[in-house]
Amino acid sequence: MGKIILRLDRVMADRKMSLNELSERVGVSNVNLSKIKTGKISAVRFSTLEAICEALNCQPGDILEYDPAAKADSES
């Protein structure tokens, strides 16, 4: 089974936006955004994804990528 890879860090860098600025615009804590940025989450609310996309002027596909060759963390 493949894996979803989060590319939030890349999109933030392209937009020259800091974690603090994104946190303020989205209304999500730095800690939670950091977890999204590093991929240490198992779910993202659509409302959060919508707010991130609005703040970064991007599409969900800019942030989320599916890699069919990668193994999910839960697989051994």
N, C-alpha and C. Protein backbone atom coordinates (compact mmCIF):
# COMPACT_ATOMS: atom_id res chain seq x y z
N MET A 1 0.84 -1.18 0.00
CA MET A 1 0.00 0.00 0.00
C MET A 1 0.88 1.24 0.00
N GLY A 2 0.44 2.27 -0.68
CA GLY A 2 1.19 3.52 -0.79
C GLY A 2 1.06 4.39 0.44
N LYS A 3 1.49 5.62 0.30
CA LYS A 3 1.54 6.56 1.41
C LYS A 3 1.22 7.96 0.92
N ILE A 4 0.50 8.73 1.73
CA ILE A 4 0.26 10.14 1.47
C ILE A 4 1.43 10.93 2.05
N ILE A 5 2.01 11.77 1.23
CA ILE A 5 3.15 12.60 1.65
C ILE A 5 2.67 14.04 1.71
N LEU A 6 2.98 14.71 2.81
CA LEU A 6 2.59 16.11 2.99
C LEU A 6 3.72 17.02 2.52
N ARG A 7 3.36 17.98 1.69
CA ARG A 7 4.34 18.92 1.12
C ARG A 7 4.10 20.36 1.60
N LEU A 8 3.53 20.50 2.78
CA LEU A 8 3.24 21.82 3.31
C LEU A 8 4.50 22.66 3.43
N ASP A 9 5.60 22.06 3.87
CA ASP A 9 6.85 22.82 4.02
C ASP A 9 7.29 23.42 2.70
N ARG A 10 7.16 22.67 1.62
CA ARG A 10 7.58 23.17 0.30
C ARG A 10 6.71 24.34 -0.16
N VAL A 11 5.39 24.21 0.03
CA VAL A 11 4.48 25.27 -0.38
C VAL A 11 4.71 26.52 0.46
N MET A 12 4.93 26.34 1.75
CA MET A 12 5.22 27.49 2.62
C MET A 12 6.50 28.19 2.18
N ALA A 13 7.52 27.43 1.84
CA ALA A 13 8.79 28.02 1.40
C ALA A 13 8.59 28.77 0.09
N ASP A 14 7.82 28.19 -0.83
CA ASP A 14 7.55 28.86 -2.11
C ASP A 14 6.84 30.19 -1.90
N ARG A 15 5.97 30.24 -0.89
CA ARG A 15 5.21 31.47 -0.61
C ARG A 15 5.92 32.38 0.38
N LYS A 16 7.09 31.93 0.86
CA LYS A 16 7.87 32.68 1.85
C LYS A 16 7.02 33.02 3.08
N MET A 17 6.31 32.00 3.58
CA MET A 17 5.45 32.19 4.74
C MET A 17 5.96 31.34 5.90
N SER A 18 6.06 31.97 7.05
CA SER A 18 6.54 31.26 8.24
C SER A 18 5.40 30.47 8.88
N LEU A 19 5.78 29.55 9.74
CA LEU A 19 4.79 28.76 10.47
C LEU A 19 3.93 29.67 11.35
N ASN A 20 4.54 30.67 11.97
CA ASN A 20 3.78 31.60 12.82
C ASN A 20 2.75 32.37 12.01
N GLU A 21 3.14 32.86 10.83
CA GLU A 21 2.21 33.62 10.01
C GLU A 21 1.06 32.73 9.53
N LEU A 22 1.38 31.51 9.09
CA LEU A 22 0.34 30.60 8.64
C LEU A 22 -0.60 30.25 9.79
N SER A 23 -0.04 30.04 10.97
CA SER A 23 -0.84 29.73 12.14
C SER A 23 -1.86 30.84 12.43
N GLU A 24 -1.41 32.08 12.34
CA GLU A 24 -2.29 33.22 12.59
C GLU A 24 -3.39 33.30 11.53
N ARG A 25 -3.04 33.09 10.27
CA ARG A 25 -4.02 33.19 9.19
C ARG A 25 -5.04 32.05 9.21
N VAL A 26 -4.59 30.86 9.60
CA VAL A 26 -5.44 29.68 9.55
C VAL A 26 -6.24 29.50 10.84
N GLY A 27 -5.69 29.98 11.96
CA GLY A 27 -6.35 29.79 13.24
C GLY A 27 -6.10 28.42 13.83
N VAL A 28 -4.95 27.84 13.50
CA VAL A 28 -4.53 26.54 14.02
C VAL A 28 -3.21 26.75 14.75
N SER A 29 -3.02 26.06 15.86
CA SER A 29 -1.81 26.26 16.66
C SER A 29 -0.54 25.90 15.88
N ASN A 30 0.57 26.52 16.28
CA ASN A 30 1.88 26.21 15.68
C ASN A 30 2.19 24.72 15.82
N VAL A 31 1.85 24.14 16.97
CA VAL A 31 2.15 22.73 17.22
C VAL A 31 1.42 21.85 16.21
N ASN A 32 0.13 22.11 16.00
CA ASN A 32 -0.63 21.29 15.06
C ASN A 32 -0.17 21.49 13.62
N LEU A 33 0.14 22.73 13.25
CA LEU A 33 0.65 22.97 11.90
C LEU A 33 2.01 22.32 11.71
N SER A 34 2.82 22.33 12.75
CA SER A 34 4.13 21.68 12.67
C SER A 34 3.98 20.18 12.44
N LYS A 35 3.00 19.58 13.10
CA LYS A 35 2.74 18.15 12.90
C LYS A 35 2.30 17.87 11.47
N ILE A 36 1.48 18.75 10.91
CA ILE A 36 1.07 18.60 9.51
C ILE A 36 2.29 18.76 8.61
N LYS A 37 3.09 19.76 8.91
CA LYS A 37 4.27 20.05 8.09
C LYS A 37 5.26 18.88 8.07
N THR A 38 5.41 18.21 9.19
CA THR A 38 6.37 17.11 9.27
C THR A 38 5.74 15.75 8.96
N GLY A 39 4.43 15.73 8.73
CA GLY A 39 3.75 14.48 8.38
C GLY A 39 3.48 13.58 9.56
N LYS A 40 3.52 14.12 10.77
CA LYS A 40 3.31 13.30 11.97
C LYS A 40 1.84 13.32 12.41
N ILE A 41 0.95 13.20 11.43
CA ILE A 41 -0.49 13.17 11.71
C ILE A 41 -1.11 12.01 10.94
N SER A 42 -2.30 11.63 11.34
CA SER A 42 -3.00 10.57 10.62
C SER A 42 -4.25 11.09 9.93
N ALA A 43 -4.65 12.34 10.22
CA ALA A 43 -5.84 12.91 9.60
C ALA A 43 -5.75 14.44 9.60
N VAL A 44 -6.44 15.04 8.65
CA VAL A 44 -6.56 16.50 8.57
C VAL A 44 -8.01 16.81 8.29
N ARG A 45 -8.57 17.73 9.05
CA ARG A 45 -9.95 18.14 8.81
C ARG A 45 -10.01 18.92 7.50
N PHE A 46 -11.11 18.73 6.77
CA PHE A 46 -11.28 19.48 5.53
C PHE A 46 -11.29 20.98 5.79
N SER A 47 -11.87 21.40 6.90
CA SER A 47 -11.91 22.83 7.20
C SER A 47 -10.49 23.39 7.40
N THR A 48 -9.62 22.59 7.99
CA THR A 48 -8.22 23.01 8.17
C THR A 48 -7.52 23.05 6.82
N LEU A 49 -7.73 22.04 6.01
CA LEU A 49 -7.12 22.00 4.68
C LEU A 49 -7.60 23.17 3.83
N GLU A 50 -8.88 23.48 3.90
CA GLU A 50 -9.43 24.62 3.17
C GLU A 50 -8.78 25.92 3.62
N ALA A 51 -8.64 26.11 4.93
CA ALA A 51 -8.04 27.33 5.46
C ALA A 51 -6.57 27.45 5.05
N ILE A 52 -5.84 26.34 5.06
CA ILE A 52 -4.44 26.35 4.63
C ILE A 52 -4.35 26.71 3.16
N CYS A 53 -5.20 26.10 2.34
CA CYS A 53 -5.18 26.40 0.91
C CYS A 53 -5.53 27.86 0.63
N GLU A 54 -6.48 28.39 1.38
CA GLU A 54 -6.84 29.80 1.20
C GLU A 54 -5.67 30.70 1.60
N ALA A 55 -5.05 30.42 2.73
CA ALA A 55 -3.94 31.26 3.21
C ALA A 55 -2.73 31.20 2.28
N LEU A 56 -2.49 30.03 1.68
CA LEU A 56 -1.32 29.85 0.83
C LEU A 56 -1.65 30.01 -0.66
N ASN A 57 -2.93 30.27 -0.97
CA ASN A 57 -3.37 30.41 -2.35
C ASN A 57 -2.90 29.22 -3.19
N CYS A 58 -3.30 28.02 -2.73
CA CYS A 58 -2.88 26.79 -3.41
C CYS A 58 -4.03 25.81 -3.47
N GLN A 59 -3.81 24.70 -4.11
CA GLN A 59 -4.78 23.62 -4.20
C GLN A 59 -4.37 22.49 -3.25
N PRO A 60 -5.32 21.65 -2.80
CA PRO A 60 -4.95 20.54 -1.93
C PRO A 60 -3.86 19.65 -2.53
N GLY A 61 -3.87 19.48 -3.84
CA GLY A 61 -2.86 18.67 -4.50
C GLY A 61 -1.46 19.25 -4.43
N ASP A 62 -1.36 20.54 -4.11
CA ASP A 62 -0.04 21.15 -3.91
C ASP A 62 0.56 20.72 -2.57
N ILE A 63 -0.31 20.36 -1.63
CA ILE A 63 0.11 20.02 -0.27
C ILE A 63 0.19 18.51 -0.07
N LEU A 64 -0.73 17.78 -0.70
CA LEU A 64 -0.83 16.33 -0.53
C LEU A 64 -0.35 15.62 -1.78
N GLU A 65 0.45 14.59 -1.59
CA GLU A 65 0.94 13.79 -2.72
C GLU A 65 0.82 12.31 -2.35
N TYR A 66 0.37 11.51 -3.29
CA TYR A 66 0.27 10.07 -3.06
C TYR A 66 1.44 9.38 -3.74
N ASP A 67 2.18 8.58 -2.98
CA ASP A 67 3.30 7.80 -3.51
C ASP A 67 2.94 6.33 -3.39
N PRO A 68 2.55 5.71 -4.51
CA PRO A 68 2.13 4.31 -4.45
C PRO A 68 3.25 3.34 -4.10
N ALA A 69 4.50 3.76 -4.28
CA ALA A 69 5.64 2.88 -4.00
C ALA A 69 6.10 2.94 -2.54
N ALA A 70 5.73 4.00 -1.84
CA ALA A 70 6.17 4.16 -0.45
C ALA A 70 5.30 3.30 0.46
N LYS A 71 5.90 2.85 1.55
CA LYS A 71 5.16 2.06 2.54
C LYS A 71 4.62 3.00 3.61
N ALA A 72 3.39 2.77 4.00
CA ALA A 72 2.79 3.55 5.08
C ALA A 72 3.50 3.24 6.38
N ASP A 73 3.51 4.20 7.31
CA ASP A 73 4.19 4.02 8.60
C ASP A 73 3.66 2.85 9.40
N SER A 74 2.38 2.54 9.23
CA SER A 74 1.77 1.45 10.03
C SER A 74 2.12 0.07 9.49
N GLU A 75 2.69 0.01 8.29
CA GLU A 75 3.07 -1.30 7.73
C GLU A 75 4.43 -1.72 8.25
N SER A 76 4.60 -3.02 8.40
CA SER A 76 5.89 -3.53 8.87
C SER A 76 6.57 -4.34 7.81
